[in-house]
Amino acid sequence: MDDLLSEFLTETSESLSTLDVELVKLEQNPNDPDILSNIFRLVHTIKGTCGFLGLPRLEAVAHAGENVLGKIRDGELVVTPDAVTLVLESIDTIKYLLGELEQNEAEPDGNDADLIGRLNHFADTGQIPGGAPAAAAAPAAEEADEEVPMTDDEKLQAAFDAAEYDPDFEVPDEPAAAAEPEP
């Protein structure tokens, strides 16, 4: 297995374990901005790395989940048990895709348009689609298929955004003097 892919799988597995704990906390404290930011950041990092590694199916699911989480974080959507269930479904799909990726070193064939359509519908309307006829769900699925992939600049920005920020870090005005070589 490629070292980069192996590292991605290891780090993403750790992130998903953290994500599971954070989602339970979110159900208990739906308005906690720190929990919402942590969850968003974890999914955002997964999405950005998928784009960098060329994993379009995984990236599309993570992107749709990230859109919902971003709107919840920004106060545009309200956390409800149904919303958390929908986000959990996206996380379960991500876990499944990662498991297949680990076994086969490639994304499995398949189509996540239904899930992506429901996530996008919730992101757009704040309502969970329930029992709607397939014909009514089709436009949302078509919109999901038309999603524009991330550009290289967006992928770089996602990687930059995922980096830890240290507010106490100061850049010196002048470079430090080189150390004298030891005899």
Protein backbone atom coordinates (compact mmCIF):
# COMPACT_ATOMS: atom_id res chain seq x y z
CA MET A 1 0.00 0.00 0.00
CA ASP A 2 1.18 3.49 -0.83
CA ASP A 3 2.66 5.24 2.24
CA LEU A 4 0.55 8.36 1.69
CA LEU A 5 -2.66 6.31 1.48
CA SER A 6 -1.67 4.28 4.53
CA GLU A 7 -1.02 7.46 6.53
CA PHE A 8 -4.33 8.92 5.37
CA LEU A 9 -6.21 5.79 6.47
CA THR A 10 -4.54 5.80 9.88
CA GLU A 11 -5.15 9.50 10.53
CA THR A 12 -8.70 9.38 9.22
CA SER A 13 -9.50 6.39 11.42
CA GLU A 14 -8.29 8.37 14.43
CA SER A 15 -10.31 11.41 13.32
CA LEU A 16 -13.44 9.28 12.95
CA SER A 17 -13.02 7.92 16.48
CA THR A 18 -12.86 11.50 17.75
CA LEU A 19 -15.79 12.42 15.53
CA ASP A 20 -17.98 9.70 17.06
CA VAL A 21 -17.34 11.10 20.55
CA GLU A 22 -17.95 14.67 19.40
CA LEU A 23 -21.27 13.74 17.75
CA VAL A 24 -22.52 12.21 21.00
CA LYS A 25 -21.51 15.43 22.78
CA LEU A 26 -23.31 17.44 20.10
CA GLU A 27 -26.58 15.62 20.74
CA GLN A 28 -26.24 16.48 24.44
CA ASN A 29 -25.08 20.09 23.85
CA PRO A 30 -26.40 21.11 20.41
CA ASN A 31 -25.41 24.76 20.72
CA ASP A 32 -21.81 24.30 21.87
CA PRO A 33 -19.69 26.21 19.31
CA ASP A 34 -16.49 24.35 20.24
CA ILE A 35 -18.06 20.95 19.56
CA LEU A 36 -19.53 22.19 16.27
CA SER A 37 -16.16 23.63 15.20
CA ASN A 38 -14.33 20.41 16.08
CA ILE A 39 -16.76 18.27 14.09
CA PHE A 40 -16.66 20.63 11.12
CA ARG A 41 -12.84 20.75 11.14
CA LEU A 42 -12.52 16.96 11.22
CA VAL A 43 -14.89 16.45 8.27
CA HIS A 44 -13.30 19.39 6.41
CA THR A 45 -9.86 17.81 6.81
CA ILE A 46 -11.10 14.45 5.55
CA LYS A 47 -12.71 16.12 2.53
CA GLY A 48 -9.64 18.15 1.67
CA THR A 49 -7.31 15.19 1.93
CA CYS A 50 -9.63 13.06 -0.23
CA GLY A 51 -9.44 15.71 -2.91
CA PHE A 52 -5.67 15.80 -2.67
CA LEU A 53 -5.46 11.99 -2.94
CA GLY A 54 -7.93 11.76 -5.83
CA LEU A 55 -10.74 9.97 -3.98
CA PRO A 56 -13.82 11.57 -5.59
CA ARG A 57 -16.51 9.35 -4.07
CA LEU A 58 -15.23 9.81 -0.54
CA GLU A 59 -14.69 13.52 -1.17
CA ALA A 60 -18.27 13.99 -2.43
CA VAL A 61 -19.81 12.39 0.67
CA ALA A 62 -17.52 14.34 3.00
CA HIS A 63 -18.24 17.57 1.10
CA ALA A 64 -22.01 17.16 1.45
CA GLY A 65 -21.63 16.38 5.16
CA GLU A 66 -19.33 19.36 5.57
CA ASN A 67 -21.92 21.67 3.98
CA VAL A 68 -24.52 20.60 6.56
CA LEU A 69 -22.06 20.93 9.43
CA GLY A 70 -20.92 24.35 8.24
CA LYS A 71 -24.48 25.65 8.19
CA ILE A 72 -25.14 24.20 11.64
CA ARG A 73 -21.93 25.75 12.93
CA ASP A 74 -22.83 29.12 11.40
CA GLY A 75 -26.31 29.04 12.97
CA GLU A 76 -28.15 28.70 9.64
CA LEU A 77 -29.48 25.25 10.61
CA VAL A 78 -30.60 23.82 13.94
CA VAL A 79 -29.25 20.62 15.47
CA THR A 80 -32.06 18.10 15.79
CA PRO A 81 -31.93 14.34 16.41
CA ASP A 82 -32.85 13.81 12.73
CA ALA A 83 -30.05 16.13 11.61
CA VAL A 84 -27.54 14.24 13.75
CA THR A 85 -28.84 10.94 12.34
CA LEU A 86 -28.31 12.24 8.81
CA VAL A 87 -24.77 13.39 9.61
CA LEU A 88 -24.10 10.00 11.25
CA GLU A 89 -25.26 8.31 8.05
CA SER A 90 -22.68 10.30 6.11
CA ILE A 91 -20.01 9.32 8.65
CA ASP A 92 -21.03 5.66 8.37
CA THR A 93 -20.70 5.90 4.59
CA ILE A 94 -17.26 7.47 4.97
CA LYS A 95 -16.27 4.61 7.30
CA TYR A 96 -17.53 2.04 4.79
CA LEU A 97 -15.62 3.67 1.93
CA LEU A 98 -12.46 3.84 4.04
CA GLY A 99 -12.77 0.15 4.90
CA GLU A 100 -13.09 -0.74 1.23
CA LEU A 101 -10.20 1.56 0.40
CA GLU A 102 -8.04 -0.14 3.00
CA GLN A 103 -8.87 -3.62 1.68
CA ASN A 104 -8.65 -2.88 -2.04
CA GLU A 105 -6.43 0.22 -2.19
CA ALA A 106 -9.12 1.83 -4.36
CA GLU A 107 -12.53 3.37 -3.86
CA PRO A 108 -15.35 0.90 -4.47
CA ASP A 109 -17.76 1.39 -7.34
CA GLY A 110 -21.06 2.80 -6.26
CA ASN A 111 -23.26 5.83 -6.11
CA ASP A 112 -24.01 7.94 -3.07
CA ALA A 113 -26.37 10.33 -4.86
CA ASP A 114 -29.29 9.51 -2.54
CA LEU A 115 -27.34 10.34 0.62
CA ILE A 116 -25.69 13.37 -0.96
CA GLY A 117 -29.08 14.54 -2.21
CA ARG A 118 -30.60 14.25 1.28
CA LEU A 119 -27.64 16.08 2.83
CA ASN A 120 -27.86 18.83 0.21
CA HIS A 121 -31.65 19.06 0.67
CA PHE A 122 -31.19 19.51 4.41
CA ALA A 123 -28.40 22.06 3.87
CA ASP A 124 -30.66 24.03 1.50
CA THR A 125 -34.00 23.76 3.33
CA GLY A 126 -33.29 22.76 6.92
CA GLN A 127 -35.70 19.86 6.51
CA ILE A 128 -34.94 16.15 6.44
CA PRO A 129 -36.54 14.54 3.41
CA GLY A 130 -38.93 11.89 4.67
CA GLY A 131 -40.83 9.41 2.59
CA ALA A 132 -40.81 11.65 -0.47
CA PRO A 133 -41.46 9.87 -3.75
CA ALA A 134 -38.34 9.01 -5.75
CA ALA A 135 -39.34 11.51 -8.46
CA ALA A 136 -39.26 14.34 -5.93
CA ALA A 137 -35.81 13.31 -4.74
CA ALA A 138 -34.38 13.06 -8.26
CA PRO A 139 -33.60 16.79 -8.73
CA ALA A 140 -31.50 16.84 -5.56
CA ALA A 141 -29.60 13.77 -6.76
CA GLU A 142 -29.01 15.41 -10.14
CA GLU A 143 -27.65 18.52 -8.42
CA ALA A 144 -25.23 16.34 -6.45
CA ASP A 145 -23.91 14.84 -9.69
CA GLU A 146 -23.24 18.33 -11.06
CA GLU A 147 -21.04 19.32 -8.12
CA VAL A 148 -17.80 20.90 -9.27
CA PRO A 149 -14.67 19.15 -7.97
CA MET A 150 -12.25 21.13 -5.83
CA THR A 151 -9.55 23.04 -7.68
CA ASP A 152 -5.91 22.65 -6.70
CA ASP A 153 -6.11 26.04 -4.95
CA GLU A 154 -9.15 24.89 -2.95
CA LYS A 155 -7.35 21.66 -2.01
CA LEU A 156 -4.33 23.65 -0.87
CA GLN A 157 -6.59 26.00 1.10
CA ALA A 158 -8.32 22.99 2.73
CA ALA A 159 -4.94 21.60 3.79
CA PHE A 160 -3.93 25.03 5.10
CA ASP A 161 -7.24 25.43 6.97
CA ALA A 162 -6.75 22.02 8.57
CA ALA A 163 -3.36 23.02 10.00
CA GLU A 164 -3.25 23.96 13.66
CA TYR A 165 -3.11 27.69 14.34
CA ASP A 166 -0.88 28.91 17.16
CA PRO A 167 -1.82 32.48 18.15
CA ASP A 168 1.35 32.78 20.27
CA PHE A 169 3.69 32.04 17.36
CA GLU A 170 5.66 35.12 16.36
CA VAL A 171 7.74 35.55 13.25
CA PRO A 172 11.06 37.25 14.03
CA ASP A 173 11.84 40.55 12.32
CA GLU A 174 15.22 39.25 11.19
CA PRO A 175 16.47 35.72 10.63
CA ALA A 176 18.43 34.16 13.47
CA ALA A 177 22.21 34.11 13.10
CA ALA A 178 23.64 30.81 11.95
CA ALA A 179 25.31 28.77 14.66
CA GLU A 180 29.08 28.66 14.59
CA PRO A 181 30.35 25.25 13.47
CA GLU A 182 31.96 23.21 16.20
CA PRO A 183 35.66 22.39 15.73
